Amino acid sequence: MENEKCDLIHPNGVKEKKLEVIDGFTIKYHANGKTVWSKGKMIEDKPDGYWEWYRSNGIIKRSGYFDMGEPVGEWITYDNEGNKHTTTIRDKK
């Protein structure tokens, strides 16, 4: 497990989320530092492949695919209980 960019402050004064890279997956945490905010793989500093985002209570919020930073394919938004709410298809530009 490797920690990166933990508790950094951006030039605009916003605290950056805690970030870890575990087995090739980039995991960012909510402000509490414990609950996963997002997870997926990065290639050349761009999201690539399947990604998920979570609410602060740990319930999934959104999921989708990237192709070198471009959202592609099926994207799902989930309701507050983690049930599928909407599905959209993103075409690569």
PDB file of N, CA and C in Angstrom:
ATOM      1  N   MET A   1       0.851  -1.173   0.000  1.00  0.00           N
ATOM      2  CA  MET A   1       0.000   0.000   0.000  1.00  0.00           C
ATOM      3  C   MET A   1       0.894   1.233   0.000  1.00  0.00           C
ATOM      4  N   GLU A   2       0.518   2.191  -0.822  1.00  0.00           N
ATOM      5  CA  GLU A   2       1.328   3.388  -0.995  1.00  0.00           C
ATOM      6  C   GLU A   2       0.443   4.617  -0.850  1.00  0.00           C
ATOM      7  N   ASN A   3       0.807   5.536   0.046  1.00  0.00           N
ATOM      8  CA  ASN A   3       0.044   6.772   0.214  1.00  0.00           C
ATOM      9  C   ASN A   3       0.644   7.848  -0.651  1.00  0.00           C
ATOM     10  N   GLU A   4      -0.228   8.631  -1.289  1.00  0.00           N
ATOM     11  CA  GLU A   4       0.225   9.737  -2.109  1.00  0.00           C
ATOM     12  C   GLU A   4      -0.683  10.926  -1.877  1.00  0.00           C
ATOM     13  N   LYS A   5      -0.142  12.137  -1.947  1.00  0.00           N
ATOM     14  CA  LYS A   5      -0.906  13.376  -1.950  1.00  0.00           C
ATOM     15  C   LYS A   5      -1.883  13.482  -0.788  1.00  0.00           C
ATOM     16  N   CYS A   6      -1.537  12.980   0.371  1.00  0.00           N
ATOM     17  CA  CYS A   6      -2.438  13.044   1.512  1.00  0.00           C
ATOM     18  C   CYS A   6      -2.414  14.434   2.129  1.00  0.00           C
ATOM     19  N   ASP A   7      -3.592  14.972   2.374  1.00  0.00           N
ATOM     20  CA  ASP A   7      -3.750  16.245   3.067  1.00  0.00           C
ATOM     21  C   ASP A   7      -3.009  17.403   2.410  1.00  0.00           C
ATOM     22  N   LEU A   8      -2.913  17.412   1.097  1.00  0.00           N
ATOM     23  CA  LEU A   8      -2.311  18.540   0.397  1.00  0.00           C
ATOM     24  C   LEU A   8      -3.359  19.631   0.222  1.00  0.00           C
ATOM     25  N   ILE A   9      -2.897  20.859   0.132  1.00  0.00           N
ATOM     26  CA  ILE A   9      -3.787  21.983  -0.094  1.00  0.00           C
ATOM     27  C   ILE A   9      -3.558  22.506  -1.503  1.00  0.00           C
ATOM     28  N   HIS A  10      -4.627  22.591  -2.288  1.00  0.00           N
ATOM     29  CA  HIS A  10      -4.542  23.152  -3.636  1.00  0.00           C
ATOM     30  C   HIS A  10      -4.325  24.658  -3.541  1.00  0.00           C
ATOM     31  N   PRO A  11      -3.812  25.281  -4.612  1.00  0.00           N
ATOM     32  CA  PRO A  11      -3.633  26.737  -4.612  1.00  0.00           C
ATOM     33  C   PRO A  11      -4.914  27.505  -4.302  1.00  0.00           C
ATOM     34  N   ASN A  12      -6.092  26.917  -4.625  1.00  0.00           N
ATOM     35  CA  ASN A  12      -7.357  27.605  -4.344  1.00  0.00           C
ATOM     36  C   ASN A  12      -7.802  27.429  -2.894  1.00  0.00           C
ATOM     37  N   GLY A  13      -6.984  26.748  -2.080  1.00  0.00           N
ATOM     38  CA  GLY A  13      -7.264  26.596  -0.663  1.00  0.00           C
ATOM     39  C   GLY A  13      -8.090  25.376  -0.297  1.00  0.00           C
ATOM     40  N   VAL A  14      -8.490  24.564  -1.282  1.00  0.00           N
ATOM     41  CA  VAL A  14      -9.296  23.381  -1.009  1.00  0.00           C
ATOM     42  C   VAL A  14      -8.380  22.222  -0.643  1.00  0.00           C
ATOM     43  N   LYS A  15      -8.714  21.534   0.450  1.00  0.00           N
ATOM     44  CA  LYS A  15      -7.917  20.384   0.872  1.00  0.00           C
ATOM     45  C   LYS A  15      -8.147  19.215  -0.083  1.00  0.00           C
ATOM     46  N   GLU A  16      -7.070  18.623  -0.565  1.00  0.00           N
ATOM     47  CA  GLU A  16      -7.174  17.484  -1.481  1.00  0.00           C
ATOM     48  C   GLU A  16      -7.550  16.240  -0.700  1.00  0.00           C
ATOM     49  N   LYS A  17      -8.325  15.377  -1.344  1.00  0.00           N
ATOM     50  CA  LYS A  17      -8.748  14.145  -0.699  1.00  0.00           C
ATOM     51  C   LYS A  17      -7.551  13.216  -0.466  1.00  0.00           C
ATOM     52  N   LYS A  18      -7.622  12.468   0.635  1.00  0.00           N
ATOM     53  CA  LYS A  18      -6.630  11.430   0.907  1.00  0.00           C
ATOM     54  C   LYS A  18      -6.662  10.440  -0.253  1.00  0.00           C
ATOM     55  N   LEU A  19      -5.503   9.997  -0.691  1.00  0.00           N
ATOM     56  CA  LEU A  19      -5.403   9.132  -1.855  1.00  0.00           C
ATOM     57  C   LEU A  19      -4.428   8.009  -1.557  1.00  0.00           C
ATOM     58  N   GLU A  20      -4.782   6.796  -1.971  1.00  0.00           N
ATOM     59  CA  GLU A  20      -3.897   5.637  -1.877  1.00  0.00           C
ATOM     60  C   GLU A  20      -3.914   4.910  -3.212  1.00  0.00           C
ATOM     61  N   VAL A  21      -2.814   4.222  -3.492  1.00  0.00           N
ATOM     62  CA  VAL A  21      -2.778   3.333  -4.648  1.00  0.00           C
ATOM     63  C   VAL A  21      -2.550   1.933  -4.093  1.00  0.00           C
ATOM     64  N   ILE A  22      -3.528   1.043  -4.317  1.00  0.00           N
ATOM     65  CA  ILE A  22      -3.459  -0.323  -3.807  1.00  0.00           C
ATOM     66  C   ILE A  22      -3.682  -1.270  -4.974  1.00  0.00           C
ATOM     67  N   ASP A  23      -2.697  -2.133  -5.218  1.00  0.00           N
ATOM     68  CA  ASP A  23      -2.788  -3.108  -6.314  1.00  0.00           C
ATOM     69  C   ASP A  23      -3.171  -2.457  -7.636  1.00  0.00           C
ATOM     70  N   GLY A  24      -2.654  -1.259  -7.899  1.00  0.00           N
ATOM     71  CA  GLY A  24      -2.904  -0.564  -9.151  1.00  0.00           C
ATOM     72  C   GLY A  24      -4.172   0.265  -9.175  1.00  0.00           C
ATOM     73  N   PHE A  25      -4.989   0.194  -8.124  1.00  0.00           N
ATOM     74  CA  PHE A  25      -6.215   0.979  -8.052  1.00  0.00           C
ATOM     75  C   PHE A  25      -5.971   2.245  -7.251  1.00  0.00           C
ATOM     76  N   THR A  26      -6.403   3.383  -7.796  1.00  0.00           N
ATOM     77  CA  THR A  26      -6.335   4.651  -7.097  1.00  0.00           C
ATOM     78  C   THR A  26      -7.609   4.781  -6.279  1.00  0.00           C
ATOM     79  N   ILE A  27      -7.449   4.987  -4.978  1.00  0.00           N
ATOM     80  CA  ILE A  27      -8.588   5.107  -4.072  1.00  0.00           C
ATOM     81  C   ILE A  27      -8.513   6.461  -3.393  1.00  0.00           C
ATOM     82  N   LYS A  28      -9.570   7.268  -3.562  1.00  0.00           N
ATOM     83  CA  LYS A  28      -9.667   8.561  -2.888  1.00  0.00           C
ATOM     84  C   LYS A  28     -10.736   8.443  -1.814  1.00  0.00           C
ATOM     85  N   TYR A  29     -10.523   9.186  -0.723  1.00  0.00           N
ATOM     86  CA  TYR A  29     -11.420   9.114   0.421  1.00  0.00           C
ATOM     87  C   TYR A  29     -12.164  10.427   0.635  1.00  0.00           C
ATOM     88  N   HIS A  30     -13.349  10.321   1.253  1.00  0.00           N
ATOM     89  CA  HIS A  30     -14.099  11.508   1.665  1.00  0.00           C
ATOM     90  C   HIS A  30     -13.275  12.282   2.691  1.00  0.00           C
ATOM     91  N   ALA A  31     -13.736  13.467   3.043  1.00  0.00           N
ATOM     92  CA  ALA A  31     -13.023  14.346   3.978  1.00  0.00           C
ATOM     93  C   ALA A  31     -12.743  13.663   5.316  1.00  0.00           C
ATOM     94  N   ASN A  32     -13.565  12.693   5.703  1.00  0.00           N
ATOM     95  CA  ASN A  32     -13.323  12.003   6.972  1.00  0.00           C
ATOM     96  C   ASN A  32     -12.089  11.105   6.915  1.00  0.00           C
ATOM     97  N   GLY A  33     -11.542  10.889   5.705  1.00  0.00           N
ATOM     98  CA  GLY A  33     -10.328  10.092   5.533  1.00  0.00           C
ATOM     99  C   GLY A  33     -10.533   8.600   5.665  1.00  0.00           C
ATOM    100  N   LYS A  34     -11.757   8.147   5.888  1.00  0.00           N
ATOM    101  CA  LYS A  34     -12.017   6.724   6.111  1.00  0.00           C
ATOM    102  C   LYS A  34     -12.929   6.104   5.067  1.00  0.00           C
ATOM    103  N   THR A  35     -13.925   6.858   4.594  1.00  0.00           N
ATOM    104  CA  THR A  35     -14.899   6.329   3.648  1.00  0.00           C
ATOM    105  C   THR A  35     -14.415   6.575   2.222  1.00  0.00           C
ATOM    106  N   VAL A  36     -14.452   5.529   1.403  1.00  0.00           N
ATOM    107  CA  VAL A  36     -14.013   5.648   0.005  1.00  0.00           C
ATOM    108  C   VAL A  36     -14.927   6.609  -0.735  1.00  0.00           C
ATOM    109  N   TRP A  37     -14.326   7.552  -1.475  1.00  0.00           N
ATOM    110  CA  TRP A  37     -15.056   8.484  -2.329  1.00  0.00           C
ATOM    111  C   TRP A  37     -15.079   7.958  -3.768  1.00  0.00           C
ATOM    112  N   SER A  38     -13.925   7.477  -4.266  1.00  0.00           N
ATOM    113  CA  SER A  38     -13.871   6.925  -5.619  1.00  0.00           C
ATOM    114  C   SER A  38     -12.740   5.911  -5.709  1.00  0.00           C
ATOM    115  N   LYS A  39     -12.877   5.016  -6.708  1.00  0.00           N
ATOM    116  CA  LYS A  39     -11.783   4.065  -6.940  1.00  0.00           C
ATOM    117  C   LYS A  39     -11.797   3.615  -8.389  1.00  0.00           C
ATOM    118  N   GLY A  40     -10.591   3.431  -8.906  1.00  0.00           N
ATOM    119  CA  GLY A  40     -10.406   2.975 -10.277  1.00  0.00           C
ATOM    120  C   GLY A  40      -8.933   3.050 -10.630  1.00  0.00           C
ATOM    121  N   LYS A  41      -8.613   2.730 -11.860  1.00  0.00           N
ATOM    122  CA  LYS A  41      -7.212   2.738 -12.303  1.00  0.00           C
ATOM    123  C   LYS A  41      -6.886   4.019 -13.055  1.00  0.00           C
ATOM    124  N   MET A  42      -5.639   4.445 -12.906  1.00  0.00           N
ATOM    125  CA  MET A  42      -5.118   5.610 -13.609  1.00  0.00           C
ATOM    126  C   MET A  42      -3.988   5.139 -14.522  1.00  0.00           C
ATOM    127  N   ILE A  43      -3.967   5.664 -15.742  1.00  0.00           N
ATOM    128  CA  ILE A  43      -2.865   5.421 -16.672  1.00  0.00           C
ATOM    129  C   ILE A  43      -2.440   6.787 -17.201  1.00  0.00           C
ATOM    130  N   GLU A  44      -1.164   7.096 -17.040  1.00  0.00           N
ATOM    131  CA  GLU A  44      -0.627   8.392 -17.470  1.00  0.00           C
ATOM    132  C   GLU A  44      -1.452   9.544 -16.892  1.00  0.00           C
ATOM    133  N   ASP A  45      -1.776   9.464 -15.600  1.00  0.00           N
ATOM    134  CA  ASP A  45      -2.535  10.490 -14.868  1.00  0.00           C
ATOM    135  C   ASP A  45      -3.956  10.698 -15.388  1.00  0.00           C
ATOM    136  N   LYS A  46      -4.509   9.699 -16.081  1.00  0.00           N
ATOM    137  CA  LYS A  46      -5.881   9.783 -16.584  1.00  0.00           C
ATOM    138  C   LYS A  46      -6.651   8.557 -16.097  1.00  0.00           C
ATOM    139  N   PRO A  47      -7.940   8.758 -15.723  1.00  0.00           N
ATOM    140  CA  PRO A  47      -8.726   7.579 -15.350  1.00  0.00           C
ATOM    141  C   PRO A  47      -8.912   6.666 -16.563  1.00  0.00           C
ATOM    142  N   ASP A  48      -8.822   5.363 -16.324  1.00  0.00           N
ATOM    143  CA  ASP A  48      -8.949   4.394 -17.407  1.00  0.00           C
ATOM    144  C   ASP A  48      -9.644   3.150 -16.876  1.00  0.00           C
ATOM    145  N   GLY A  49     -10.584   2.629 -17.646  1.00  0.00           N
ATOM    146  CA  GLY A  49     -11.323   1.446 -17.219  1.00  0.00           C
ATOM    147  C   GLY A  49     -12.479   1.807 -16.305  1.00  0.00           C
ATOM    148  N   TYR A  50     -12.915   0.843 -15.513  1.00  0.00           N
ATOM    149  CA  TYR A  50     -14.102   0.981 -14.669  1.00  0.00           C
ATOM    150  C   TYR A  50     -13.793   1.784 -13.398  1.00  0.00           C
ATOM    151  N   TRP A  51     -14.674   2.735 -13.086  1.00  0.00           N
ATOM    152  CA  TRP A  51     -14.561   3.564 -11.879  1.00  0.00           C
ATOM    153  C   TRP A  51     -15.874   3.554 -11.119  1.00  0.00           C
ATOM    154  N   GLU A  52     -15.780   3.731  -9.788  1.00  0.00           N
ATOM    155  CA  GLU A  52     -16.952   3.857  -8.921  1.00  0.00           C
ATOM    156  C   GLU A  52     -16.774   5.049  -7.992  1.00  0.00           C
ATOM    157  N   TRP A  53     -17.912   5.705  -7.654  1.00  0.00           N
ATOM    158  CA  TRP A  53     -17.941   6.792  -6.677  1.00  0.00           C
ATOM    159  C   TRP A  53     -18.944   6.416  -5.610  1.00  0.00           C
ATOM    160  N   TYR A  54     -18.667   6.843  -4.377  1.00  0.00           N
ATOM    161  CA  TYR A  54     -19.500   6.472  -3.239  1.00  0.00           C
ATOM    162  C   TYR A  54     -19.921   7.694  -2.436  1.00  0.00           C
ATOM    163  N   ARG A  55     -21.068   7.586  -1.773  1.00  0.00           N
ATOM    164  CA  ARG A  55     -21.508   8.608  -0.833  1.00  0.00           C
ATOM    165  C   ARG A  55     -20.694   8.467   0.456  1.00  0.00           C
ATOM    166  N   SER A  56     -20.764   9.474   1.303  1.00  0.00           N
ATOM    167  CA  SER A  56     -19.983   9.444   2.545  1.00  0.00           C
ATOM    168  C   SER A  56     -20.420   8.328   3.486  1.00  0.00           C
ATOM    169  N   ASN A  57     -21.630   7.767   3.273  1.00  0.00           N
ATOM    170  CA  ASN A  57     -22.079   6.642   4.102  1.00  0.00           C
ATOM    171  C   ASN A  57     -21.649   5.292   3.514  1.00  0.00           C
ATOM    172  N   GLY A  58     -20.890   5.315   2.404  1.00  0.00           N
ATOM    173  CA  GLY A  58     -20.362   4.092   1.806  1.00  0.00           C
ATOM    174  C   GLY A  58     -21.222   3.487   0.716  1.00  0.00           C
ATOM    175  N   ILE A  59     -22.408   4.041   0.464  1.00  0.00           N
ATOM    176  CA  ILE A  59     -23.298   3.505  -0.572  1.00  0.00           C
ATOM    177  C   ILE A  59     -22.862   4.048  -1.936  1.00  0.00           C
ATOM    178  N   ILE A  60     -22.847   3.151  -2.918  1.00  0.00           N
ATOM    179  CA  ILE A  60     -22.420   3.546  -4.264  1.00  0.00           C
ATOM    180  C   ILE A  60     -23.317   4.656  -4.813  1.00  0.00           C
ATOM    181  N   LYS A  61     -22.696   5.607  -5.513  1.00  0.00           N
ATOM    182  CA  LYS A  61     -23.410   6.758  -6.076  1.00  0.00           C
ATOM    183  C   LYS A  61     -23.430   6.720  -7.601  1.00  0.00           C
ATOM    184  N   ARG A  62     -22.281   6.348  -8.202  1.00  0.00           N
ATOM    185  CA  ARG A  62     -22.155   6.372  -9.666  1.00  0.00           C
ATOM    186  C   ARG A  62     -21.056   5.396 -10.081  1.00  0.00           C
ATOM    187  N   SER A  63     -21.198   4.861 -11.297  1.00  0.00           N
ATOM    188  CA  SER A  63     -20.150   3.994 -11.842  1.00  0.00           C
ATOM    189  C   SER A  63     -20.114   4.175 -13.350  1.00  0.00           C
ATOM    190  N   GLY A  64     -18.929   3.964 -13.910  1.00  0.00           N
ATOM    191  CA  GLY A  64     -18.799   4.089 -15.353  1.00  0.00           C
ATOM    192  C   GLY A  64     -17.391   3.780 -15.816  1.00  0.00           C
ATOM    193  N   TYR A  65     -17.202   3.890 -17.106  1.00  0.00           N
ATOM    194  CA  TYR A  65     -15.942   3.529 -17.745  1.00  0.00           C
ATOM    195  C   TYR A  65     -15.262   4.743 -18.373  1.00  0.00           C
ATOM    196  N   PHE A  66     -13.941   4.713 -18.328  1.00  0.00           N
ATOM    197  CA  PHE A  66     -13.120   5.719 -19.000  1.00  0.00           C
ATOM    198  C   PHE A  66     -12.208   5.031 -19.999  1.00  0.00           C
ATOM    199  N   ASP A  67     -11.898   5.742 -21.067  1.00  0.00           N
ATOM    200  CA  ASP A  67     -10.867   5.334 -22.010  1.00  0.00           C
ATOM    201  C   ASP A  67      -9.863   6.471 -22.050  1.00  0.00           C
ATOM    202  N   MET A  68      -8.800   6.328 -21.294  1.00  0.00           N
ATOM    203  CA  MET A  68      -7.740   7.347 -21.187  1.00  0.00           C
ATOM    204  C   MET A  68      -8.329   8.740 -20.927  1.00  0.00           C
ATOM    205  N   GLY A  69      -9.179   8.823 -19.888  1.00  0.00           N
ATOM    206  CA  GLY A  69      -9.741  10.089 -19.446  1.00  0.00           C
ATOM    207  C   GLY A  69     -11.072  10.461 -20.062  1.00  0.00           C
ATOM    208  N   GLU A  70     -11.488   9.771 -21.121  1.00  0.00           N
ATOM    209  CA  GLU A  70     -12.767  10.047 -21.791  1.00  0.00           C
ATOM    210  C   GLU A  70     -13.836   9.107 -21.245  1.00  0.00           C
ATOM    211  N   PRO A  71     -14.963   9.645 -20.742  1.00  0.00           N
ATOM    212  CA  PRO A  71     -16.045   8.753 -20.318  1.00  0.00           C
ATOM    213  C   PRO A  71     -16.641   8.034 -21.526  1.00  0.00           C
ATOM    214  N   VAL A  72     -16.787   6.713 -21.422  1.00  0.00           N
ATOM    215  CA  VAL A  72     -17.314   5.900 -22.520  1.00  0.00           C
ATOM    216  C   VAL A  72     -18.232   4.818 -21.961  1.00  0.00           C
ATOM    217  N   GLY A  73     -19.081   4.302 -22.843  1.00  0.00           N
ATOM    218  CA  GLY A  73     -19.898   3.157 -22.470  1.00  0.00           C
ATOM    219  C   GLY A  73     -20.980   3.464 -21.457  1.00  0.00           C
ATOM    220  N   GLU A  74     -21.342   2.454 -20.694  1.00  0.00           N
ATOM    221  CA  GLU A  74     -22.455   2.551 -19.750  1.00  0.00           C
ATOM    222  C   GLU A  74     -22.043   3.270 -18.462  1.00  0.00           C
ATOM    223  N   TRP A  75     -22.856   4.258 -18.082  1.00  0.00           N
ATOM    224  CA  TRP A  75     -22.691   4.989 -16.817  1.00  0.00           C
ATOM    225  C   TRP A  75     -23.989   4.836 -16.033  1.00  0.00           C
ATOM    226  N   ILE A  76     -23.853   4.467 -14.765  1.00  0.00           N
ATOM    227  CA  ILE A  76     -25.022   4.230 -13.919  1.00  0.00           C
ATOM    228  C   ILE A  76     -24.985   5.188 -12.729  1.00  0.00           C
ATOM    229  N   THR A  77     -26.124   5.810 -12.468  1.00  0.00           N
ATOM    230  CA  THR A  77     -26.310   6.608 -11.259  1.00  0.00           C
ATOM    231  C   THR A  77     -27.237   5.819 -10.348  1.00  0.00           C
ATOM    232  N   TYR A  78     -26.892   5.761  -9.058  1.00  0.00           N
ATOM    233  CA  TYR A  78     -27.635   4.973  -8.085  1.00  0.00           C
ATOM    234  C   TYR A  78     -28.395   5.893  -7.128  1.00  0.00           C
ATOM    235  N   ASP A  79     -29.521   5.401  -6.600  1.00  0.00           N
ATOM    236  CA  ASP A  79     -30.281   6.175  -5.624  1.00  0.00           C
ATOM    237  C   ASP A  79     -29.609   6.096  -4.250  1.00  0.00           C
ATOM    238  N   ASN A  80     -30.226   6.709  -3.260  1.00  0.00           N
ATOM    239  CA  ASN A  80     -29.634   6.775  -1.916  1.00  0.00           C
ATOM    240  C   ASN A  80     -29.482   5.419  -1.232  1.00  0.00           C
ATOM    241  N   GLU A  81     -30.181   4.399  -1.738  1.00  0.00           N
ATOM    242  CA  GLU A  81     -30.051   3.051  -1.178  1.00  0.00           C
ATOM    243  C   GLU A  81     -29.083   2.176  -1.978  1.00  0.00           C
ATOM    244  N   GLY A  82     -28.542   2.715  -3.075  1.00  0.00           N
ATOM    245  CA  GLY A  82     -27.608   1.956  -3.896  1.00  0.00           C
ATOM    246  C   GLY A  82     -28.261   1.168  -5.015  1.00  0.00           C
ATOM    247  N   ASN A  83     -29.544   1.447  -5.272  1.00  0.00           N
ATOM    248  CA  ASN A  83     -30.246   0.792  -6.382  1.00  0.00           C
ATOM    249  C   ASN A  83     -30.054   1.607  -7.659  1.00  0.00           C
ATOM    250  N   LYS A  84     -30.010   0.925  -8.801  1.00  0.00           N
ATOM    251  CA  LYS A  84     -29.863   1.634 -10.077  1.00  0.00           C
ATOM    252  C   LYS A  84     -30.990   2.639 -10.244  1.00  0.00           C
ATOM    253  N   HIS A  85     -30.611   3.861 -10.585  1.00  0.00           N
ATOM    254  CA  HIS A  85     -31.600   4.921 -10.797  1.00  0.00           C
ATOM    255  C   HIS A  85     -31.680   5.267 -12.282  1.00  0.00           C
ATOM    256  N   THR A  86     -30.538   5.613 -12.895  1.00  0.00           N
ATOM    257  CA  THR A  86     -30.508   5.917 -14.326  1.00  0.00           C
ATOM    258  C   THR A  86     -29.268   5.298 -14.957  1.00  0.00           C
ATOM    259  N   THR A  87     -29.393   4.965 -16.220  1.00  0.00           N
ATOM    260  CA  THR A  87     -28.277   4.447 -17.002  1.00  0.00           C
ATOM    261  C   THR A  87     -28.172   5.284 -18.265  1.00  0.00           C
ATOM    262  N   THR A  88     -26.949   5.718 -18.576  1.00  0.00           N
ATOM    263  CA  THR A  88     -26.706   6.456 -19.821  1.00  0.00           C
ATOM    264  C   THR A  88     -25.541   5.811 -20.547  1.00  0.00           C
ATOM    265  N   ILE A  89     -25.516   6.017 -21.850  1.00  0.00           N
ATOM    266  CA  ILE A  89     -24.418   5.511 -22.685  1.00  0.00           C
ATOM    267  C   ILE A  89     -23.637   6.708 -23.181  1.00  0.00           C
ATOM    268  N   ARG A  90     -22.322   6.683 -22.948  1.00  0.00           N
ATOM    269  CA  ARG A  90     -21.449   7.766 -23.385  1.00  0.00           C
ATOM    270  C   ARG A  90     -20.636   7.288 -24.570  1.00  0.00           C
ATOM    271  N   ASP A  91     -20.723   8.015 -25.666  1.00  0.00           N
ATOM    272  CA  ASP A  91     -19.923   7.722 -26.858  1.00  0.00           C
ATOM    273  C   ASP A  91     -18.606   8.454 -26.764  1.00  0.00           C
ATOM    274  N   LYS A  92     -17.543   7.825 -27.196  1.00  0.00           N
ATOM    275  CA  LYS A  92     -16.226   8.458 -27.207  1.00  0.00           C
ATOM    276  C   LYS A  92     -16.220   9.577 -28.232  1.00  0.00           C
ATOM    277  N   LYS A  93     -15.663  10.717 -27.842  1.00  0.00           N
ATOM    278  CA  LYS A  93     -15.594  11.881 -28.751  1.00  0.00           C
ATOM    279  C   LYS A  93     -14.530  11.695 -29.791  1.00  0.00           C
TER     280      LYS A  93
END
